[in-house]
Amino acid sequence: MTALIRFSRGTGVAGWAVRSYTWSRFAHVGFLLAPGIVLDAAPGSGVSVREQPALDGDALFRADVPDAVVDAAVTWARNQVGARYDYIGVLGLGLHRNWRDESHWWCSELVAAAFEHAGHPLLNAKFLSRISPQDLLLSPYLIPVARV
């Protein structure tokens, strides 16, 4: 199975804050590797592969690119496992910073960078100083598959 991209509403105050600030229905994004298994960047665990059951309101998307590109993106993201979570990215959504700093990641920036490294960017992010889940939803390459 080629990985899907899972968007979720997030939880608690942090999820509400990201949704509110970015005018999005989603606060988090990551790769769904198998049912209940995600590869993402999250507070407390940084970039990791972990169990994460589906949450009410989740949405699944597939990338409308060759499977080899998705596989390369996932492989690159797996190589980031262990990198820290980018708390500054969450706290400073409005700040200009280098979102491509591979020492730490925010969820949507990890997904965007993975596709860039795989040779098929989801966005024209040349001039973006941050990428939110809402920004990724604007990608013409993401096709909705299902809602939870």
N, C-alpha and C. Protein backbone atom coordinates (compact mmCIF):
# COMPACT_ATOMS: atom_id res chain seq x y z
N MET A 1 0.84 -1.18 0.00
CA MET A 1 0.00 0.00 0.00
C MET A 1 0.88 1.24 0.00
N THR A 2 0.62 2.15 -0.89
CA THR A 2 1.30 3.43 -0.88
C THR A 2 0.68 4.28 0.22
N ALA A 3 1.51 4.97 0.95
CA ALA A 3 1.04 5.77 2.08
C ALA A 3 0.04 6.83 1.64
N LEU A 4 -0.92 7.05 2.51
CA LEU A 4 -1.87 8.14 2.33
C LEU A 4 -1.43 9.30 3.22
N ILE A 5 -2.04 10.43 3.01
CA ILE A 5 -1.75 11.59 3.84
C ILE A 5 -2.99 11.84 4.69
N ARG A 6 -2.78 11.83 6.01
CA ARG A 6 -3.91 11.97 6.92
C ARG A 6 -3.90 13.34 7.58
N PHE A 7 -4.99 14.05 7.45
CA PHE A 7 -5.20 15.33 8.11
C PHE A 7 -6.13 15.09 9.29
N SER A 8 -5.82 15.72 10.43
CA SER A 8 -6.71 15.60 11.59
C SER A 8 -6.92 16.97 12.23
N ARG A 9 -7.95 17.04 13.04
CA ARG A 9 -8.30 18.29 13.70
C ARG A 9 -7.36 18.62 14.84
N GLY A 10 -6.57 17.66 15.28
CA GLY A 10 -5.72 17.89 16.43
C GLY A 10 -6.55 17.82 17.69
N THR A 11 -5.90 18.02 18.81
CA THR A 11 -6.62 17.92 20.07
C THR A 11 -6.31 19.11 20.96
N GLY A 12 -7.19 19.37 21.88
CA GLY A 12 -6.97 20.37 22.90
C GLY A 12 -6.83 21.79 22.37
N VAL A 13 -6.25 22.61 23.23
CA VAL A 13 -6.07 24.02 22.93
C VAL A 13 -5.14 24.23 21.74
N ALA A 14 -4.08 23.42 21.66
CA ALA A 14 -3.13 23.58 20.55
C ALA A 14 -3.81 23.32 19.20
N GLY A 15 -4.61 22.27 19.11
CA GLY A 15 -5.32 22.00 17.87
C GLY A 15 -6.27 23.12 17.52
N TRP A 16 -7.00 23.61 18.52
CA TRP A 16 -7.91 24.73 18.30
C TRP A 16 -7.15 25.96 17.81
N ALA A 17 -5.99 26.25 18.44
CA ALA A 17 -5.22 27.43 18.08
C ALA A 17 -4.71 27.36 16.64
N VAL A 18 -4.19 26.20 16.23
CA VAL A 18 -3.70 26.06 14.86
C VAL A 18 -4.86 26.20 13.88
N ARG A 19 -5.97 25.55 14.15
CA ARG A 19 -7.13 25.67 13.25
C ARG A 19 -7.61 27.11 13.16
N SER A 20 -7.66 27.78 14.28
CA SER A 20 -8.15 29.16 14.30
C SER A 20 -7.20 30.09 13.57
N TYR A 21 -5.92 29.97 13.84
CA TYR A 21 -4.94 30.88 13.24
C TYR A 21 -4.84 30.68 11.73
N THR A 22 -4.95 29.44 11.27
CA THR A 22 -4.78 29.16 9.85
C THR A 22 -6.11 29.07 9.10
N TRP A 23 -7.22 29.32 9.77
CA TRP A 23 -8.54 29.25 9.16
C TRP A 23 -8.76 27.91 8.48
N SER A 24 -8.43 26.85 9.19
CA SER A 24 -8.49 25.51 8.62
C SER A 24 -9.36 24.62 9.49
N ARG A 25 -9.87 23.57 8.91
CA ARG A 25 -10.56 22.58 9.74
C ARG A 25 -9.59 21.55 10.29
N PHE A 26 -8.31 21.64 9.86
CA PHE A 26 -7.30 20.68 10.32
C PHE A 26 -6.13 21.37 11.00
N ALA A 27 -5.56 20.67 11.98
CA ALA A 27 -4.42 21.20 12.73
C ALA A 27 -3.19 20.31 12.61
N HIS A 28 -3.34 19.12 12.03
CA HIS A 28 -2.22 18.18 11.99
C HIS A 28 -2.27 17.37 10.70
N VAL A 29 -1.09 16.95 10.24
CA VAL A 29 -0.99 16.14 9.03
C VAL A 29 0.21 15.20 9.16
N GLY A 30 0.07 14.03 8.57
CA GLY A 30 1.17 13.07 8.56
C GLY A 30 0.90 11.99 7.54
N PHE A 31 1.85 11.08 7.41
CA PHE A 31 1.69 9.95 6.49
C PHE A 31 0.98 8.82 7.23
N LEU A 32 -0.05 8.26 6.64
CA LEU A 32 -0.69 7.07 7.17
C LEU A 32 -0.05 5.89 6.47
N LEU A 33 0.76 5.13 7.21
CA LEU A 33 1.51 4.02 6.62
C LEU A 33 0.68 2.75 6.54
N ALA A 34 -0.15 2.53 7.53
CA ALA A 34 -1.05 1.38 7.63
C ALA A 34 -2.15 1.81 8.58
N PRO A 35 -3.25 1.08 8.63
CA PRO A 35 -4.31 1.49 9.56
C PRO A 35 -3.77 1.67 10.98
N GLY A 36 -3.93 2.88 11.51
CA GLY A 36 -3.50 3.16 12.87
C GLY A 36 -2.02 3.44 13.05
N ILE A 37 -1.22 3.45 11.98
CA ILE A 37 0.23 3.70 12.07
C ILE A 37 0.56 4.94 11.25
N VAL A 38 1.11 5.96 11.93
CA VAL A 38 1.45 7.20 11.25
C VAL A 38 2.93 7.51 11.36
N LEU A 39 3.42 8.22 10.38
CA LEU A 39 4.77 8.80 10.37
C LEU A 39 4.53 10.30 10.33
N ASP A 40 4.91 10.97 11.41
CA ASP A 40 4.63 12.40 11.49
C ASP A 40 5.56 13.08 12.47
N ALA A 41 5.38 14.37 12.62
CA ALA A 41 6.08 15.16 13.63
C ALA A 41 5.03 15.63 14.62
N ALA A 42 5.22 15.26 15.89
CA ALA A 42 4.22 15.59 16.90
C ALA A 42 4.89 16.02 18.19
N PRO A 43 4.21 16.88 18.96
CA PRO A 43 4.76 17.28 20.25
C PRO A 43 5.03 16.06 21.12
N GLY A 44 6.14 16.10 21.81
CA GLY A 44 6.48 15.01 22.72
C GLY A 44 7.25 13.87 22.08
N SER A 45 7.01 13.61 20.80
CA SER A 45 7.71 12.50 20.16
C SER A 45 8.57 12.93 18.99
N GLY A 46 8.45 14.17 18.54
CA GLY A 46 9.21 14.62 17.38
C GLY A 46 8.81 13.82 16.17
N VAL A 47 9.73 13.61 15.26
CA VAL A 47 9.43 12.80 14.07
C VAL A 47 9.53 11.34 14.49
N SER A 48 8.44 10.61 14.27
CA SER A 48 8.41 9.21 14.69
C SER A 48 7.36 8.45 13.89
N VAL A 49 7.47 7.13 13.97
CA VAL A 49 6.44 6.23 13.47
C VAL A 49 5.74 5.74 14.73
N ARG A 50 4.43 5.94 14.80
CA ARG A 50 3.73 5.60 16.03
C ARG A 50 2.30 5.16 15.75
N GLU A 51 1.74 4.52 16.75
CA GLU A 51 0.33 4.16 16.66
C GLU A 51 -0.49 5.40 16.93
N GLN A 52 -1.47 5.63 16.08
CA GLN A 52 -2.38 6.76 16.25
C GLN A 52 -3.70 6.36 15.63
N PRO A 53 -4.66 5.99 16.48
CA PRO A 53 -5.96 5.59 15.92
C PRO A 53 -6.62 6.76 15.19
N ALA A 54 -7.49 6.42 14.29
CA ALA A 54 -8.23 7.46 13.56
C ALA A 54 -9.07 8.27 14.54
N LEU A 55 -9.14 9.55 14.28
CA LEU A 55 -9.92 10.45 15.11
C LEU A 55 -11.13 10.95 14.34
N ASP A 56 -12.19 11.26 15.05
CA ASP A 56 -13.37 11.81 14.41
C ASP A 56 -12.99 13.08 13.65
N GLY A 57 -13.37 13.16 12.40
CA GLY A 57 -13.07 14.33 11.59
C GLY A 57 -11.81 14.21 10.75
N ASP A 58 -11.05 13.11 10.88
CA ASP A 58 -9.88 12.92 10.04
C ASP A 58 -10.28 12.84 8.57
N ALA A 59 -9.36 13.21 7.70
CA ALA A 59 -9.58 13.09 6.27
C ALA A 59 -8.32 12.49 5.64
N LEU A 60 -8.52 11.58 4.72
CA LEU A 60 -7.41 10.93 4.03
C LEU A 60 -7.33 11.45 2.60
N PHE A 61 -6.10 11.66 2.16
CA PHE A 61 -5.83 12.12 0.81
C PHE A 61 -4.76 11.23 0.20
N ARG A 62 -4.78 11.10 -1.10
CA ARG A 62 -3.68 10.46 -1.81
C ARG A 62 -3.00 11.53 -2.64
N ALA A 63 -1.71 11.37 -2.82
CA ALA A 63 -0.97 12.31 -3.67
C ALA A 63 -1.10 11.84 -5.10
N ASP A 64 -1.55 12.72 -5.97
CA ASP A 64 -1.73 12.39 -7.39
C ASP A 64 -0.38 12.51 -8.10
N VAL A 65 0.51 11.64 -7.71
CA VAL A 65 1.87 11.55 -8.26
C VAL A 65 2.19 10.07 -8.39
N PRO A 66 3.21 9.70 -9.14
CA PRO A 66 3.56 8.28 -9.22
C PRO A 66 3.86 7.68 -7.84
N ASP A 67 3.49 6.40 -7.66
CA ASP A 67 3.74 5.71 -6.39
C ASP A 67 5.20 5.79 -5.98
N ALA A 68 6.11 5.77 -6.95
CA ALA A 68 7.54 5.84 -6.63
C ALA A 68 7.89 7.16 -5.94
N VAL A 69 7.20 8.24 -6.30
CA VAL A 69 7.43 9.53 -5.65
C VAL A 69 6.95 9.48 -4.21
N VAL A 70 5.76 8.91 -3.99
CA VAL A 70 5.24 8.79 -2.62
C VAL A 70 6.19 7.93 -1.79
N ASP A 71 6.64 6.82 -2.36
CA ASP A 71 7.56 5.94 -1.63
C ASP A 71 8.85 6.66 -1.30
N ALA A 72 9.36 7.45 -2.22
CA ALA A 72 10.59 8.21 -1.96
C ALA A 72 10.35 9.27 -0.88
N ALA A 73 9.19 9.90 -0.89
CA ALA A 73 8.85 10.90 0.14
C ALA A 73 8.79 10.24 1.52
N VAL A 74 8.15 9.10 1.60
CA VAL A 74 8.05 8.38 2.88
C VAL A 74 9.43 7.93 3.34
N THR A 75 10.25 7.44 2.44
CA THR A 75 11.61 7.02 2.80
C THR A 75 12.39 8.19 3.35
N TRP A 76 12.29 9.35 2.69
CA TRP A 76 13.00 10.53 3.19
C TRP A 76 12.48 10.91 4.58
N ALA A 77 11.16 10.91 4.76
CA ALA A 77 10.58 11.26 6.06
C ALA A 77 11.01 10.27 7.14
N ARG A 78 11.08 8.99 6.79
CA ARG A 78 11.56 7.98 7.76
C ARG A 78 12.99 8.29 8.20
N ASN A 79 13.78 8.82 7.29
CA ASN A 79 15.16 9.17 7.64
C ASN A 79 15.22 10.35 8.60
N GLN A 80 14.12 11.04 8.77
CA GLN A 80 14.05 12.16 9.72
C GLN A 80 13.62 11.71 11.12
N VAL A 81 13.26 10.43 11.29
CA VAL A 81 12.84 9.93 12.59
C VAL A 81 13.92 10.25 13.62
N GLY A 82 13.49 10.81 14.72
CA GLY A 82 14.41 11.22 15.78
C GLY A 82 14.61 12.73 15.81
N ALA A 83 14.30 13.42 14.70
CA ALA A 83 14.41 14.88 14.70
C ALA A 83 13.37 15.45 15.67
N ARG A 84 13.69 16.56 16.27
CA ARG A 84 12.81 17.20 17.25
C ARG A 84 11.56 17.78 16.59
N TYR A 85 10.54 17.98 17.42
CA TYR A 85 9.34 18.68 17.00
C TYR A 85 9.64 20.17 17.01
N ASP A 86 9.10 20.92 16.08
CA ASP A 86 9.37 22.34 15.97
C ASP A 86 8.32 23.15 16.73
N TYR A 87 8.56 23.30 18.04
CA TYR A 87 7.63 24.08 18.86
C TYR A 87 7.60 25.54 18.43
N ILE A 88 8.72 26.07 17.96
CA ILE A 88 8.76 27.45 17.51
C ILE A 88 7.85 27.63 16.29
N GLY A 89 7.78 26.60 15.46
CA GLY A 89 6.89 26.67 14.29
C GLY A 89 5.45 26.83 14.70
N VAL A 90 5.05 26.16 15.77
CA VAL A 90 3.68 26.27 16.24
C VAL A 90 3.46 27.60 16.95
N LEU A 91 4.39 27.96 17.81
CA LEU A 91 4.24 29.20 18.57
C LEU A 91 4.39 30.43 17.69
N GLY A 92 5.20 30.31 16.65
CA GLY A 92 5.47 31.47 15.81
C GLY A 92 4.94 31.31 14.40
N LEU A 93 3.68 30.92 14.28
CA LEU A 93 3.11 30.72 12.94
C LEU A 93 3.31 31.92 12.04
N GLY A 94 3.29 33.11 12.62
CA GLY A 94 3.42 34.31 11.81
C GLY A 94 4.85 34.76 11.60
N LEU A 95 5.81 34.07 12.19
CA LEU A 95 7.21 34.48 12.08
C LEU A 95 7.84 33.93 10.81
N HIS A 96 8.77 34.66 10.27
CA HIS A 96 9.53 34.18 9.12
C HIS A 96 10.70 33.37 9.65
N ARG A 97 10.84 32.16 9.14
CA ARG A 97 11.93 31.30 9.57
C ARG A 97 12.19 30.27 8.48
N ASN A 98 13.27 29.56 8.59
CA ASN A 98 13.62 28.54 7.60
C ASN A 98 12.90 27.24 7.94
N TRP A 99 11.80 26.95 7.26
CA TRP A 99 11.04 25.74 7.56
C TRP A 99 11.73 24.48 7.06
N ARG A 100 12.80 24.63 6.33
CA ARG A 100 13.52 23.47 5.81
C ARG A 100 14.69 23.03 6.73
N ASP A 101 14.76 23.57 7.93
CA ASP A 101 15.81 23.20 8.88
C ASP A 101 15.55 21.77 9.34
N GLU A 102 16.40 20.83 8.94
CA GLU A 102 16.17 19.41 9.19
C GLU A 102 16.46 18.97 10.62
N SER A 103 16.80 19.89 11.51
CA SER A 103 17.02 19.49 12.90
C SER A 103 15.71 19.43 13.68
N HIS A 104 14.65 20.02 13.15
CA HIS A 104 13.35 19.98 13.81
C HIS A 104 12.25 20.22 12.77
N TRP A 105 11.08 19.62 13.02
CA TRP A 105 10.00 19.70 12.04
C TRP A 105 8.66 19.97 12.70
N TRP A 106 7.84 20.69 12.00
CA TRP A 106 6.43 20.81 12.30
C TRP A 106 5.74 19.87 11.32
N CYS A 107 4.60 19.31 11.66
CA CYS A 107 3.98 18.24 10.88
C CYS A 107 3.86 18.53 9.39
N SER A 108 3.27 19.64 9.03
CA SER A 108 3.03 19.94 7.62
C SER A 108 4.32 20.24 6.87
N GLU A 109 5.29 20.78 7.58
CA GLU A 109 6.57 21.07 6.95
C GLU A 109 7.33 19.79 6.64
N LEU A 110 7.20 18.78 7.50
CA LEU A 110 7.81 17.48 7.24
C LEU A 110 7.24 16.86 5.97
N VAL A 111 5.92 16.89 5.83
CA VAL A 111 5.27 16.31 4.64
C VAL A 111 5.69 17.08 3.39
N ALA A 112 5.66 18.42 3.46
CA ALA A 112 6.05 19.22 2.29
C ALA A 112 7.50 18.97 1.90
N ALA A 113 8.40 18.93 2.88
CA ALA A 113 9.82 18.70 2.59
C ALA A 113 10.04 17.31 2.01
N ALA A 114 9.28 16.33 2.49
CA ALA A 114 9.44 14.96 1.98
C ALA A 114 9.15 14.90 0.48
N PHE A 115 8.09 15.56 0.06
CA PHE A 115 7.77 15.56 -1.38
C PHE A 115 8.76 16.40 -2.17
N GLU A 116 9.25 17.48 -1.59
CA GLU A 116 10.30 18.26 -2.27
C GLU A 116 11.53 17.38 -2.51
N HIS A 117 11.96 16.67 -1.47
CA HIS A 117 13.14 15.81 -1.59
C HIS A 117 12.91 14.64 -2.55
N ALA A 118 11.65 14.24 -2.71
CA ALA A 118 11.32 13.16 -3.65
C ALA A 118 11.23 13.68 -5.09
N GLY A 119 11.40 14.98 -5.26
CA GLY A 119 11.42 15.55 -6.61
C GLY A 119 10.07 16.00 -7.13
N HIS A 120 9.05 16.03 -6.27
CA HIS A 120 7.72 16.46 -6.71
C HIS A 120 7.06 17.29 -5.61
N PRO A 121 7.41 18.58 -5.52
CA PRO A 121 6.81 19.42 -4.47
C PRO A 121 5.29 19.47 -4.57
N LEU A 122 4.64 19.46 -3.43
CA LEU A 122 3.18 19.57 -3.40
C LEU A 122 2.75 21.02 -3.57
N LEU A 123 3.65 21.95 -3.25
CA LEU A 123 3.36 23.38 -3.32
C LEU A 123 4.51 24.10 -3.99
N ASN A 124 4.23 25.29 -4.49
CA ASN A 124 5.30 26.17 -4.91
C ASN A 124 5.69 26.95 -3.66
N ALA A 125 6.58 26.37 -2.86
CA ALA A 125 6.90 26.91 -1.53
C ALA A 125 8.16 27.75 -1.51
N LYS A 126 8.61 28.17 -2.66
CA LYS A 126 9.87 28.89 -2.74
C LYS A 126 9.92 30.10 -1.82
N PHE A 127 8.81 30.81 -1.68
CA PHE A 127 8.81 32.03 -0.90
C PHE A 127 8.05 31.91 0.43
N LEU A 128 7.69 30.70 0.82
CA LEU A 128 6.97 30.51 2.08
C LEU A 128 7.96 30.36 3.23
N SER A 129 7.66 31.04 4.34
CA SER A 129 8.52 30.93 5.52
C SER A 129 7.98 29.90 6.51
N ARG A 130 6.78 29.39 6.25
CA ARG A 130 6.20 28.31 7.03
C ARG A 130 5.11 27.66 6.18
N ILE A 131 4.77 26.42 6.52
CA ILE A 131 3.72 25.70 5.80
C ILE A 131 2.80 25.08 6.84
N SER A 132 1.53 25.41 6.75
CA SER A 132 0.54 24.87 7.69
C SER A 132 -0.23 23.74 7.02
N PRO A 133 -0.99 22.96 7.80
CA PRO A 133 -1.85 21.95 7.17
C PRO A 133 -2.78 22.58 6.13
N GLN A 134 -3.27 23.78 6.40
CA GLN A 134 -4.16 24.46 5.44
C GLN A 134 -3.43 24.72 4.12
N ASP A 135 -2.17 25.10 4.19
CA ASP A 135 -1.40 25.31 2.96
C ASP A 135 -1.34 24.04 2.13
N LEU A 136 -1.10 22.90 2.79
CA LEU A 136 -1.03 21.63 2.07
C LEU A 136 -2.37 21.28 1.43
N LEU A 137 -3.46 21.63 2.10
CA LEU A 137 -4.79 21.35 1.52
C LEU A 137 -5.00 22.07 0.20
N LEU A 138 -4.26 23.13 -0.04
CA LEU A 138 -4.39 23.89 -1.29
C LEU A 138 -3.61 23.26 -2.44
N SER A 139 -2.86 22.21 -2.15
CA SER A 139 -2.07 21.56 -3.19
C SER A 139 -2.98 20.92 -4.24
N PRO A 140 -2.71 21.18 -5.51
CA PRO A 140 -3.51 20.54 -6.56
C PRO A 140 -3.20 19.05 -6.70
N TYR A 141 -2.19 18.55 -5.98
CA TYR A 141 -1.79 17.15 -6.08
C TYR A 141 -2.43 16.26 -5.03
N LEU A 142 -3.18 16.83 -4.09
CA LEU A 142 -3.83 16.02 -3.06
C LEU A 142 -5.29 15.78 -3.41
N ILE A 143 -5.65 14.51 -3.50
CA ILE A 143 -6.99 14.09 -3.90
C ILE A 143 -7.67 13.45 -2.68
N PRO A 144 -8.85 13.95 -2.28
CA PRO A 144 -9.54 13.35 -1.14
C PRO A 144 -9.89 11.89 -1.39
N VAL A 145 -9.71 11.07 -0.36
CA VAL A 145 -10.03 9.64 -0.45
C VAL A 145 -11.17 9.30 0.49
N ALA A 146 -11.10 9.75 1.75
CA ALA A 146 -12.13 9.39 2.72
C ALA A 146 -12.12 10.37 3.89
N ARG A 147 -13.26 10.42 4.57
CA ARG A 147 -13.39 11.17 5.83
C ARG A 147 -13.73 10.17 6.91
N VAL A 148 -13.24 10.40 8.13
CA VAL A 148 -13.58 9.53 9.26
C VAL A 148 -14.72 10.16 10.01
